[in-house]
Amino acid sequence: MGAMAWLIQQNADGTPGRQWDVELKPLLVGRGTQADAQIRDRYLSRRHFIVTPVEGKYFLRDLGTTNGTLVNGRPITKATLQPNDQIQAGESRFVFVTRLAAA
């Protein structure tokens, strides 16, 4: 059994918005054209944070941004993500979600 993982952007009312698969390759989040998850948010850096999968674990790293990144309300430079972690970058909110996949 393996894990499937997504980063889900939350709408202003808390409902799920866009989502990106983070199971197989790193996901760069920011407002710049190089971002895999390009977000329109004036407080987000062009390259704001990256989520990297490594052997079934998922790591989030802030990329030296001016406004920082919060995980569950705490400022971080890097963090190991757990299911349902809440991420805030600029005015944007995300949730990290995993699910076990059948073998």
PDB file of N, CA and C in Angstrom:
ATOM      1  N   MET A   1       0.836  -1.189   0.000  1.00  0.00           N
ATOM      2  CA  MET A   1       0.000   0.000   0.000  1.00  0.00           C
ATOM      3  C   MET A   1       0.873   1.242   0.000  1.00  0.00           C
ATOM      4  N   GLY A   2       0.530   2.184  -0.819  1.00  0.00           N
ATOM      5  CA  GLY A   2       1.249   3.437  -0.872  1.00  0.00           C
ATOM      6  C   GLY A   2       0.336   4.570  -0.448  1.00  0.00           C
ATOM      7  N   ALA A   3       0.892   5.751  -0.314  1.00  0.00           N
ATOM      8  CA  ALA A   3       0.081   6.914   0.046  1.00  0.00           C
ATOM      9  C   ALA A   3      -0.088   7.801  -1.167  1.00  0.00           C
ATOM     10  N   MET A   4      -1.244   8.423  -1.247  1.00  0.00           N
ATOM     11  CA  MET A   4      -1.488   9.436  -2.262  1.00  0.00           C
ATOM     12  C   MET A   4      -1.565  10.756  -1.504  1.00  0.00           C
ATOM     13  N   ALA A   5      -1.028  11.826  -2.084  1.00  0.00           N
ATOM     14  CA  ALA A   5      -0.983  13.092  -1.358  1.00  0.00           C
ATOM     15  C   ALA A   5      -1.296  14.259  -2.284  1.00  0.00           C
ATOM     16  N   TRP A   6      -2.003  15.242  -1.713  1.00  0.00           N
ATOM     17  CA  TRP A   6      -2.375  16.434  -2.459  1.00  0.00           C
ATOM     18  C   TRP A   6      -2.202  17.675  -1.597  1.00  0.00           C
ATOM     19  N   LEU A   7      -1.948  18.785  -2.265  1.00  0.00           N
ATOM     20  CA  LEU A   7      -2.017  20.105  -1.651  1.00  0.00           C
ATOM     21  C   LEU A   7      -3.282  20.733  -2.222  1.00  0.00           C
ATOM     22  N   ILE A   8      -4.198  21.120  -1.343  1.00  0.00           N
ATOM     23  CA  ILE A   8      -5.480  21.676  -1.777  1.00  0.00           C
ATOM     24  C   ILE A   8      -5.574  23.124  -1.328  1.00  0.00           C
ATOM     25  N   GLN A   9      -5.812  24.014  -2.290  1.00  0.00           N
ATOM     26  CA  GLN A   9      -6.013  25.428  -1.962  1.00  0.00           C
ATOM     27  C   GLN A   9      -7.423  25.598  -1.418  1.00  0.00           C
ATOM     28  N   GLN A  10      -7.564  26.346  -0.342  1.00  0.00           N
ATOM     29  CA  GLN A  10      -8.872  26.581   0.240  1.00  0.00           C
ATOM     30  C   GLN A  10      -9.414  27.917  -0.232  1.00  0.00           C
ATOM     31  N   ASN A  11     -10.692  27.921  -0.609  1.00  0.00           N
ATOM     32  CA  ASN A  11     -11.374  29.159  -0.976  1.00  0.00           C
ATOM     33  C   ASN A  11     -11.599  29.995   0.277  1.00  0.00           C
ATOM     34  N   ALA A  12     -11.967  31.261   0.089  1.00  0.00           N
ATOM     35  CA  ALA A  12     -12.181  32.170   1.215  1.00  0.00           C
ATOM     36  C   ALA A  12     -13.217  31.633   2.201  1.00  0.00           C
ATOM     37  N   ASP A  13     -14.204  30.866   1.711  1.00  0.00           N
ATOM     38  CA  ASP A  13     -15.236  30.321   2.602  1.00  0.00           C
ATOM     39  C   ASP A  13     -14.835  28.985   3.220  1.00  0.00           C
ATOM     40  N   GLY A  14     -13.586  28.542   2.983  1.00  0.00           N
ATOM     41  CA  GLY A  14     -13.086  27.303   3.569  1.00  0.00           C
ATOM     42  C   GLY A  14     -13.333  26.058   2.736  1.00  0.00           C
ATOM     43  N   THR A  15     -14.064  26.193   1.633  1.00  0.00           N
ATOM     44  CA  THR A  15     -14.309  25.036   0.780  1.00  0.00           C
ATOM     45  C   THR A  15     -13.085  24.733  -0.071  1.00  0.00           C
ATOM     46  N   PRO A  16     -12.921  23.481  -0.496  1.00  0.00           N
ATOM     47  CA  PRO A  16     -11.765  23.117  -1.325  1.00  0.00           C
ATOM     48  C   PRO A  16     -11.789  23.832  -2.676  1.00  0.00           C
ATOM     49  N   GLY A  17     -10.609  24.259  -3.109  1.00  0.00           N
ATOM     50  CA  GLY A  17     -10.447  24.870  -4.425  1.00  0.00           C
ATOM     51  C   GLY A  17      -9.567  23.990  -5.292  1.00  0.00           C
ATOM     52  N   ARG A  18      -8.590  24.604  -5.925  1.00  0.00           N
ATOM     53  CA  ARG A  18      -7.684  23.838  -6.790  1.00  0.00           C
ATOM     54  C   ARG A  18      -6.850  22.868  -5.964  1.00  0.00           C
ATOM     55  N   GLN A  19      -6.432  21.776  -6.618  1.00  0.00           N
ATOM     56  CA  GLN A  19      -5.577  20.811  -5.918  1.00  0.00           C
ATOM     57  C   GLN A  19      -4.471  20.333  -6.842  1.00  0.00           C
ATOM     58  N   TRP A  20      -3.347  19.962  -6.205  1.00  0.00           N
ATOM     59  CA  TRP A  20      -2.170  19.500  -6.925  1.00  0.00           C
ATOM     60  C   TRP A  20      -1.666  18.224  -6.280  1.00  0.00           C
ATOM     61  N   ASP A  21      -1.289  17.278  -7.100  1.00  0.00           N
ATOM     62  CA  ASP A  21      -0.730  16.003  -6.646  1.00  0.00           C
ATOM     63  C   ASP A  21       0.719  16.236  -6.228  1.00  0.00           C
ATOM     64  N   VAL A  22       1.095  15.766  -5.047  1.00  0.00           N
ATOM     65  CA  VAL A  22       2.483  15.910  -4.581  1.00  0.00           C
ATOM     66  C   VAL A  22       3.110  14.561  -4.288  1.00  0.00           C
ATOM     67  N   GLU A  23       2.510  13.505  -4.810  1.00  0.00           N
ATOM     68  CA  GLU A  23       2.969  12.156  -4.500  1.00  0.00           C
ATOM     69  C   GLU A  23       4.306  11.810  -5.144  1.00  0.00           C
ATOM     70  N   LEU A  24       4.525  12.214  -6.397  1.00  0.00           N
ATOM     71  CA  LEU A  24       5.676  11.715  -7.156  1.00  0.00           C
ATOM     72  C   LEU A  24       6.795  12.714  -7.403  1.00  0.00           C
ATOM     73  N   LYS A  25       6.484  14.005  -7.373  1.00  0.00           N
ATOM     74  CA  LYS A  25       7.523  14.989  -7.681  1.00  0.00           C
ATOM     75  C   LYS A  25       7.304  16.251  -6.867  1.00  0.00           C
ATOM     76  N   PRO A  26       8.346  17.052  -6.685  1.00  0.00           N
ATOM     77  CA  PRO A  26       8.215  18.296  -5.922  1.00  0.00           C
ATOM     78  C   PRO A  26       7.201  19.240  -6.567  1.00  0.00           C
ATOM     79  N   LEU A  27       6.552  20.022  -5.719  1.00  0.00           N
ATOM     80  CA  LEU A  27       5.566  21.009  -6.160  1.00  0.00           C
ATOM     81  C   LEU A  27       6.019  22.379  -5.683  1.00  0.00           C
ATOM     82  N   LEU A  28       6.321  23.267  -6.621  1.00  0.00           N
ATOM     83  CA  LEU A  28       6.718  24.638  -6.314  1.00  0.00           C
ATOM     84  C   LEU A  28       5.470  25.514  -6.328  1.00  0.00           C
ATOM     85  N   VAL A  29       5.253  26.247  -5.239  1.00  0.00           N
ATOM     86  CA  VAL A  29       4.085  27.110  -5.100  1.00  0.00           C
ATOM     87  C   VAL A  29       4.552  28.556  -5.065  1.00  0.00           C
ATOM     88  N   GLY A  30       3.906  29.412  -5.840  1.00  0.00           N
ATOM     89  CA  GLY A  30       4.227  30.832  -5.868  1.00  0.00           C
ATOM     90  C   GLY A  30       3.382  31.555  -6.893  1.00  0.00           C
ATOM     91  N   ARG A  31       3.664  32.843  -7.082  1.00  0.00           N
ATOM     92  CA  ARG A  31       2.890  33.605  -8.063  1.00  0.00           C
ATOM     93  C   ARG A  31       3.623  33.757  -9.395  1.00  0.00           C
ATOM     94  N   GLY A  32       4.866  33.301  -9.461  1.00  0.00           N
ATOM     95  CA  GLY A  32       5.665  33.434 -10.676  1.00  0.00           C
ATOM     96  C   GLY A  32       5.350  32.369 -11.718  1.00  0.00           C
ATOM     97  N   THR A  33       5.816  32.608 -12.929  1.00  0.00           N
ATOM     98  CA  THR A  33       5.533  31.691 -14.033  1.00  0.00           C
ATOM     99  C   THR A  33       6.261  30.363 -13.893  1.00  0.00           C
ATOM    100  N   GLN A  34       7.317  30.290 -13.073  1.00  0.00           N
ATOM    101  CA  GLN A  34       8.034  29.030 -12.862  1.00  0.00           C
ATOM    102  C   GLN A  34       7.318  28.108 -11.885  1.00  0.00           C
ATOM    103  N   ALA A  35       6.323  28.619 -11.162  1.00  0.00           N
ATOM    104  CA  ALA A  35       5.633  27.819 -10.136  1.00  0.00           C
ATOM    105  C   ALA A  35       4.770  26.749 -10.785  1.00  0.00           C
ATOM    106  N   ASP A  36       4.785  25.551 -10.187  1.00  0.00           N
ATOM    107  CA  ASP A  36       3.891  24.479 -10.624  1.00  0.00           C
ATOM    108  C   ASP A  36       2.460  24.818 -10.232  1.00  0.00           C
ATOM    109  N   ALA A  37       2.306  25.380  -9.039  1.00  0.00           N
ATOM    110  CA  ALA A  37       1.016  25.854  -8.547  1.00  0.00           C
ATOM    111  C   ALA A  37       1.095  27.374  -8.540  1.00  0.00           C
ATOM    112  N   GLN A  38       0.656  27.985  -9.633  1.00  0.00           N
ATOM    113  CA  GLN A  38       0.751  29.441  -9.778  1.00  0.00           C
ATOM    114  C   GLN A  38      -0.492  30.073  -9.159  1.00  0.00           C
ATOM    115  N   ILE A  39      -0.280  30.893  -8.113  1.00  0.00           N
ATOM    116  CA  ILE A  39      -1.360  31.469  -7.318  1.00  0.00           C
ATOM    117  C   ILE A  39      -1.352  32.987  -7.481  1.00  0.00           C
ATOM    118  N   ARG A  40      -2.523  33.542  -7.727  1.00  0.00           N
ATOM    119  CA  ARG A  40      -2.645  35.004  -7.808  1.00  0.00           C
ATOM    120  C   ARG A  40      -2.856  35.537  -6.396  1.00  0.00           C
ATOM    121  N   ASP A  41      -1.776  36.025  -5.800  1.00  0.00           N
ATOM    122  CA  ASP A  41      -1.789  36.533  -4.433  1.00  0.00           C
ATOM    123  C   ASP A  41      -0.625  37.506  -4.332  1.00  0.00           C
ATOM    124  N   ARG A  42      -0.928  38.782  -4.159  1.00  0.00           N
ATOM    125  CA  ARG A  42       0.129  39.806  -4.159  1.00  0.00           C
ATOM    126  C   ARG A  42       1.103  39.662  -3.002  1.00  0.00           C
ATOM    127  N   TYR A  43       0.741  38.919  -1.957  1.00  0.00           N
ATOM    128  CA  TYR A  43       1.627  38.724  -0.812  1.00  0.00           C
ATOM    129  C   TYR A  43       2.454  37.440  -0.910  1.00  0.00           C
ATOM    130  N   LEU A  44       2.268  36.704  -1.986  1.00  0.00           N
ATOM    131  CA  LEU A  44       3.016  35.477  -2.230  1.00  0.00           C
ATOM    132  C   LEU A  44       4.256  35.827  -3.052  1.00  0.00           C
ATOM    133  N   SER A  45       5.379  35.235  -2.724  1.00  0.00           N
ATOM    134  CA  SER A  45       6.587  35.427  -3.526  1.00  0.00           C
ATOM    135  C   SER A  45       6.455  34.667  -4.841  1.00  0.00           C
ATOM    136  N   ARG A  46       7.280  35.023  -5.802  1.00  0.00           N
ATOM    137  CA  ARG A  46       7.250  34.296  -7.083  1.00  0.00           C
ATOM    138  C   ARG A  46       7.542  32.817  -6.880  1.00  0.00           C
ATOM    139  N   ARG A  47       8.469  32.522  -6.007  1.00  0.00           N
ATOM    140  CA  ARG A  47       8.805  31.140  -5.598  1.00  0.00           C
ATOM    141  C   ARG A  47       8.678  31.132  -4.081  1.00  0.00           C
ATOM    142  N   HIS A  48       7.521  30.726  -3.569  1.00  0.00           N
ATOM    143  CA  HIS A  48       7.239  30.906  -2.144  1.00  0.00           C
ATOM    144  C   HIS A  48       7.634  29.695  -1.306  1.00  0.00           C
ATOM    145  N   PHE A  49       7.091  28.515  -1.639  1.00  0.00           N
ATOM    146  CA  PHE A  49       7.482  27.308  -0.913  1.00  0.00           C
ATOM    147  C   PHE A  49       7.434  26.114  -1.847  1.00  0.00           C
ATOM    148  N   ILE A  50       8.088  25.039  -1.407  1.00  0.00           N
ATOM    149  CA  ILE A  50       8.109  23.811  -2.186  1.00  0.00           C
ATOM    150  C   ILE A  50       7.752  22.643  -1.272  1.00  0.00           C
ATOM    151  N   VAL A  51       6.942  21.733  -1.805  1.00  0.00           N
ATOM    152  CA  VAL A  51       6.610  20.487  -1.107  1.00  0.00           C
ATOM    153  C   VAL A  51       7.323  19.369  -1.856  1.00  0.00           C
ATOM    154  N   THR A  52       8.130  18.600  -1.134  1.00  0.00           N
ATOM    155  CA  THR A  52       8.946  17.554  -1.746  1.00  0.00           C
ATOM    156  C   THR A  52       8.629  16.195  -1.118  1.00  0.00           C
ATOM    157  N   PRO A  53       8.272  15.201  -1.948  1.00  0.00           N
ATOM    158  CA  PRO A  53       8.068  13.850  -1.424  1.00  0.00           C
ATOM    159  C   PRO A  53       9.394  13.099  -1.361  1.00  0.00           C
ATOM    160  N   VAL A  54       9.640  12.422  -0.247  1.00  0.00           N
ATOM    161  CA  VAL A  54      10.843  11.601  -0.088  1.00  0.00           C
ATOM    162  C   VAL A  54      10.458  10.338   0.671  1.00  0.00           C
ATOM    163  N   GLU A  55      10.468   9.207  -0.029  1.00  0.00           N
ATOM    164  CA  GLU A  55      10.220   7.898   0.581  1.00  0.00           C
ATOM    165  C   GLU A  55       8.978   7.871   1.471  1.00  0.00           C
ATOM    166  N   GLY A  56       7.866   8.357   0.940  1.00  0.00           N
ATOM    167  CA  GLY A  56       6.603   8.304   1.672  1.00  0.00           C
ATOM    168  C   GLY A  56       6.384   9.414   2.674  1.00  0.00           C
ATOM    169  N   LYS A  57       7.349  10.317   2.825  1.00  0.00           N
ATOM    170  CA  LYS A  57       7.185  11.483   3.688  1.00  0.00           C
ATOM    171  C   LYS A  57       7.166  12.722   2.802  1.00  0.00           C
ATOM    172  N   TYR A  58       6.631  13.820   3.351  1.00  0.00           N
ATOM    173  CA  TYR A  58       6.474  15.050   2.573  1.00  0.00           C
ATOM    174  C   TYR A  58       7.038  16.210   3.369  1.00  0.00           C
ATOM    175  N   PHE A  59       7.907  16.972   2.726  1.00  0.00           N
ATOM    176  CA  PHE A  59       8.599  18.063   3.385  1.00  0.00           C
ATOM    177  C   PHE A  59       8.232  19.377   2.711  1.00  0.00           C
ATOM    178  N   LEU A  60       7.953  20.391   3.520  1.00  0.00           N
ATOM    179  CA  LEU A  60       7.671  21.733   3.022  1.00  0.00           C
ATOM    180  C   LEU A  60       8.841  22.620   3.416  1.00  0.00           C
ATOM    181  N   ARG A  61       9.306  23.423   2.467  1.00  0.00           N
ATOM    182  CA  ARG A  61      10.417  24.357   2.737  1.00  0.00           C
ATOM    183  C   ARG A  61      10.044  25.723   2.195  1.00  0.00           C
ATOM    184  N   ASP A  62      10.108  26.732   3.056  1.00  0.00           N
ATOM    185  CA  ASP A  62       9.947  28.124   2.633  1.00  0.00           C
ATOM    186  C   ASP A  62      11.202  28.508   1.857  1.00  0.00           C
ATOM    187  N   LEU A  63      11.026  29.228   0.769  1.00  0.00           N
ATOM    188  CA  LEU A  63      12.159  29.554  -0.103  1.00  0.00           C
ATOM    189  C   LEU A  63      12.723  30.947   0.160  1.00  0.00           C
ATOM    190  N   GLY A  64      12.848  31.290   1.449  1.00  0.00           N
ATOM    191  CA  GLY A  64      13.450  32.569   1.834  1.00  0.00           C
ATOM    192  C   GLY A  64      12.554  33.756   1.539  1.00  0.00           C
ATOM    193  N   THR A  65      11.260  33.589   1.748  1.00  0.00           N
ATOM    194  CA  THR A  65      10.293  34.622   1.382  1.00  0.00           C
ATOM    195  C   THR A  65      10.255  35.762   2.388  1.00  0.00           C
ATOM    196  N   THR A  66       9.759  36.897   1.930  1.00  0.00           N
ATOM    197  CA  THR A  66       9.615  38.073   2.778  1.00  0.00           C
ATOM    198  C   THR A  66       8.511  37.865   3.813  1.00  0.00           C
ATOM    199  N   ASN A  67       7.365  37.331   3.386  1.00  0.00           N
ATOM    200  CA  ASN A  67       6.203  37.196   4.270  1.00  0.00           C
ATOM    201  C   ASN A  67       6.133  35.859   4.994  1.00  0.00           C
ATOM    202  N   GLY A  68       7.003  34.920   4.650  1.00  0.00           N
ATOM    203  CA  GLY A  68       7.062  33.647   5.359  1.00  0.00           C
ATOM    204  C   GLY A  68       5.939  32.685   5.031  1.00  0.00           C
ATOM    205  N   THR A  69       6.035  31.510   5.628  1.00  0.00           N
ATOM    206  CA  THR A  69       5.059  30.441   5.475  1.00  0.00           C
ATOM    207  C   THR A  69       4.713  29.921   6.862  1.00  0.00           C
ATOM    208  N   LEU A  70       3.421  29.689   7.094  1.00  0.00           N
ATOM    209  CA  LEU A  70       2.955  29.151   8.362  1.00  0.00           C
ATOM    210  C   LEU A  70       2.413  27.745   8.148  1.00  0.00           C
ATOM    211  N   VAL A  71       2.735  26.841   9.058  1.00  0.00           N
ATOM    212  CA  VAL A  71       2.130  25.511   9.087  1.00  0.00           C
ATOM    213  C   VAL A  71       1.436  25.388  10.429  1.00  0.00           C
ATOM    214  N   ASN A  72       0.126  25.197  10.387  1.00  0.00           N
ATOM    215  CA  ASN A  72      -0.700  25.132  11.600  1.00  0.00           C
ATOM    216  C   ASN A  72      -0.488  26.356  12.491  1.00  0.00           C
ATOM    217  N   GLY A  73      -0.363  27.527  11.841  1.00  0.00           N
ATOM    218  CA  GLY A  73      -0.243  28.790  12.565  1.00  0.00           C
ATOM    219  C   GLY A  73       1.144  29.145  13.042  1.00  0.00           C
ATOM    220  N   ARG A  74       2.129  28.265  12.783  1.00  0.00           N
ATOM    221  CA  ARG A  74       3.496  28.521  13.247  1.00  0.00           C
ATOM    222  C   ARG A  74       4.400  28.859  12.069  1.00  0.00           C
ATOM    223  N   PRO A  75       5.220  29.904  12.190  1.00  0.00           N
ATOM    224  CA  PRO A  75       6.168  30.211  11.117  1.00  0.00           C
ATOM    225  C   PRO A  75       7.217  29.105  10.994  1.00  0.00           C
ATOM    226  N   ILE A  76       7.523  28.723   9.767  1.00  0.00           N
ATOM    227  CA  ILE A  76       8.507  27.652   9.546  1.00  0.00           C
ATOM    228  C   ILE A  76       9.493  28.065   8.452  1.00  0.00           C
ATOM    229  N   THR A  77      10.663  27.456   8.466  1.00  0.00           N
ATOM    230  CA  THR A  77      11.559  27.501   7.317  1.00  0.00           C
ATOM    231  C   THR A  77      11.498  26.161   6.612  1.00  0.00           C
ATOM    232  N   LYS A  78      11.296  25.081   7.418  1.00  0.00           N
ATOM    233  CA  LYS A  78      11.048  23.758   6.848  1.00  0.00           C
ATOM    234  C   LYS A  78      10.235  22.953   7.848  1.00  0.00           C
ATOM    235  N   ALA A  79       9.449  22.002   7.307  1.00  0.00           N
ATOM    236  CA  ALA A  79       8.592  21.192   8.165  1.00  0.00           C
ATOM    237  C   ALA A  79       8.300  19.875   7.468  1.00  0.00           C
ATOM    238  N   THR A  80       8.092  18.835   8.273  1.00  0.00           N
ATOM    239  CA  THR A  80       7.596  17.563   7.765  1.00  0.00           C
ATOM    240  C   THR A  80       6.085  17.638   7.845  1.00  0.00           C
ATOM    241  N   LEU A  81       5.411  17.493   6.697  1.00  0.00           N
ATOM    242  CA  LEU A  81       3.960  17.624   6.672  1.00  0.00           C
ATOM    243  C   LEU A  81       3.272  16.367   7.179  1.00  0.00           C
ATOM    244  N   GLN A  82       2.191  16.589   7.888  1.00  0.00           N
ATOM    245  CA  GLN A  82       1.327  15.530   8.378  1.00  0.00           C
ATOM    246  C   GLN A  82      -0.052  15.714   7.742  1.00  0.00           C
ATOM    247  N   PRO A  83      -0.841  14.640   7.636  1.00  0.00           N
ATOM    248  CA  PRO A  83      -2.184  14.780   7.059  1.00  0.00           C
ATOM    249  C   PRO A  83      -2.988  15.879   7.754  1.00  0.00           C
ATOM    250  N   ASN A  84      -3.679  16.676   6.954  1.00  0.00           N
ATOM    251  CA  ASN A  84      -4.549  17.771   7.404  1.00  0.00           C
ATOM    252  C   ASN A  84      -3.806  18.978   7.950  1.00  0.00           C
ATOM    253  N   ASP A  85      -2.485  19.062   7.742  1.00  0.00           N
ATOM    254  CA  ASP A  85      -1.768  20.279   8.117  1.00  0.00           C
ATOM    255  C   ASP A  85      -2.323  21.459   7.325  1.00  0.00           C
ATOM    256  N   GLN A  86      -2.455  22.592   8.018  1.00  0.00           N
ATOM    257  CA  GLN A  86      -2.940  23.828   7.424  1.00  0.00           C
ATOM    258  C   GLN A  86      -1.729  24.706   7.100  1.00  0.00           C
ATOM    259  N   ILE A  87      -1.667  25.191   5.862  1.00  0.00           N
ATOM    260  CA  ILE A  87      -0.535  25.991   5.402  1.00  0.00           C
ATOM    261  C   ILE A  87      -1.055  27.354   4.972  1.00  0.00           C
ATOM    262  N   GLN A  88      -0.371  28.407   5.407  1.00  0.00           N
ATOM    263  CA  GLN A  88      -0.711  29.747   4.959  1.00  0.00           C
ATOM    264  C   GLN A  88       0.531  30.401   4.391  1.00  0.00           C
ATOM    265  N   ALA A  89       0.357  30.971   3.199  1.00  0.00           N
ATOM    266  CA  ALA A  89       1.424  31.705   2.531  1.00  0.00           C
ATOM    267  C   ALA A  89       0.775  32.920   1.894  1.00  0.00           C
ATOM    268  N   GLY A  90       1.235  34.114   2.237  1.00  0.00           N
ATOM    269  CA  GLY A  90       0.553  35.317   1.781  1.00  0.00           C
ATOM    270  C   GLY A  90      -0.867  35.301   2.321  1.00  0.00           C
ATOM    271  N   GLU A  91      -1.841  35.596   1.447  1.00  0.00           N
ATOM    272  CA  GLU A  91      -3.244  35.523   1.851  1.00  0.00           C
ATOM    273  C   GLU A  91      -3.865  34.177   1.477  1.00  0.00           C
ATOM    274  N   SER A  92      -3.057  33.265   0.968  1.00  0.00           N
ATOM    275  CA  SER A  92      -3.545  31.970   0.487  1.00  0.00           C
ATOM    276  C   SER A  92      -3.443  30.905   1.563  1.00  0.00           C
ATOM    277  N   ARG A  93      -4.460  30.047   1.601  1.00  0.00           N
ATOM    278  CA  ARG A  93      -4.497  28.947   2.561  1.00  0.00           C
ATOM    279  C   ARG A  93      -4.595  27.628   1.808  1.00  0.00           C
ATOM    280  N   PHE A  94      -3.915  26.630   2.366  1.00  0.00           N
ATOM    281  CA  PHE A  94      -3.874  25.304   1.767  1.00  0.00           C
ATOM    282  C   PHE A  94      -4.037  24.266   2.868  1.00  0.00           C
ATOM    283  N   VAL A  95      -4.426  23.063   2.464  1.00  0.00           N
ATOM    284  CA  VAL A  95      -4.436  21.923   3.383  1.00  0.00           C
ATOM    285  C   VAL A  95      -3.706  20.788   2.692  1.00  0.00           C
ATOM    286  N   PHE A  96      -2.904  20.056   3.464  1.00  0.00           N
ATOM    287  CA  PHE A  96      -2.183  18.907   2.954  1.00  0.00           C
ATOM    288  C   PHE A  96      -2.997  17.658   3.283  1.00  0.00           C
ATOM    289  N   VAL A  97      -3.315  16.856   2.264  1.00  0.00           N
ATOM    290  CA  VAL A  97      -4.208  15.716   2.436  1.00  0.00           C
ATOM    291  C   VAL A  97      -3.547  14.459   1.896  1.00  0.00           C
ATOM    292  N   THR A  98      -3.685  13.353   2.637  1.00  0.00           N
ATOM    293  CA  THR A  98      -3.175  12.065   2.164  1.00  0.00           C
ATOM    294  C   THR A  98      -4.268  11.021   2.268  1.00  0.00           C
ATOM    295  N   ARG A  99      -4.080   9.962   1.505  1.00  0.00           N
ATOM    296  CA  ARG A  99      -4.997   8.825   1.556  1.00  0.00           C
ATOM    297  C   ARG A  99      -4.203   7.587   1.197  1.00  0.00           C
ATOM    298  N   LEU A 100      -4.450   6.487   1.871  1.00  0.00           N
ATOM    299  CA  LEU A 100      -3.786   5.236   1.532  1.00  0.00           C
ATOM    300  C   LEU A 100      -4.377   4.693   0.244  1.00  0.00           C
ATOM    301  N   ALA A 101      -3.493   4.190  -0.612  1.00  0.00           N
ATOM    302  CA  ALA A 101      -3.922   3.607  -1.879  1.00  0.00           C
ATOM    303  C   ALA A 101      -3.836   2.092  -1.767  1.00  0.00           C
ATOM    304  N   ALA A 102      -4.762   1.398  -2.369  1.00  0.00           N
ATOM    305  CA  ALA A 102      -4.742  -0.064  -2.363  1.00  0.00           C
ATOM    306  C   ALA A 102      -3.559  -0.565  -3.181  1.00  0.00           C
ATOM    307  N   ALA A 103      -3.000  -1.675  -2.777  1.00  0.00           N
ATOM    308  CA  ALA A 103      -1.833  -2.238  -3.471  1.00  0.00           C
ATOM    309  C   ALA A 103      -2.250  -2.846  -4.797  1.00  0.00           C
TER     310      ALA A 103
END
